[in-house]
Amino acid sequence: MTKYLGLFLLVMLSITVSPALLRAEDAADIIRKSQDAFFAQGKDMQARVKMTLLSKSGQQRLRELTMLRKNGIGGEQKYFMYFHNPADVRGTSFIVYKYPGRDDDRWIFIPAINLVNRIAAKDSRSSFVGSDFTYEDVSGRDPEADTYKYVREDTIQGKPCHVIESTPKNPAEYTRKLSWVDKATYLPLKDEYYDVQGSLYKVFTADKVEINGGFPTVTKRSMENIKSGHKTEVVFENVSYNVGIGDDVFSERYLRKPSEKWIK
């Protein structure tokens, strides 16, 4: 009798307790899976990236680059980015070393002055080459930097999503962020960023998802600054995974003179 009473109470509890409360402890795990799906598929990745900067008045500026990424041990990652166009930034290259639980290391090579500069950790929240994406948006934010709350279930682009609220533990670019995470792929389909006044100021959308090398990949994405009206659209082309990128690519030597094999 006691056994059946316990089962009855368990069923009643699952009916009456809010789904949001039941899933609150899972919110952080969903964000970690989302970060892995968006930033860490495969052992490595190579892509040609076209970035269009759109002003409120309709003016356009194009950036074209090659992006390389290699996963390391324990969540560490390395990124290499080489700019092909426009002419005034051609040859500029970045390296990012990402470490779980501490600040990333970033370096930039500026060919006009033939100089490698280290980018300060605080600049992770700065604009990436004049776009509406920050350096952190490009290579990912440490999941341990925020606390999380499961808000609700929702559907976006016809896909069932988890909606998760992120709150930074320390001062950050935003004070609150809402993320719509695809239940099937864990890819982020939309992010809303809120400022210190609690106002929405920036929106990320995943505009196109394709399968590349067996991995669901966001091949078109946008970031719009709601307040300024400026928008950045990014298209990933020729995306390849597990291509065998060596560690030597992520070095100062390659920063100054990258291999044609990897940046073509």
Foldseek 3Di string as FASTA:
>chain_A
DVVVVVVVVVVVCVVPDDPQVVCFVVFLVLVVLQCCQAAPPFQKKKWKKWKWKAALVGDIDIWIWIKIKGADPPGWIKIKIATCDDPQQHLKMKIWIDDAPDFIWMWIAGVVVRDIDTDDSVQQQPDDVPALAGVCNVNHDRSVQWRKGFDDWDADPNAIWTWMKTAGPDDDPARIKIFTAGPVQSHTAKMWGAHPVRDTFKMKGQPDWDAEPNRTYSQWMKMAGPVRRMIMIMGIPPMHHPPDDDPVCNDVVCSNPNDPVRTD
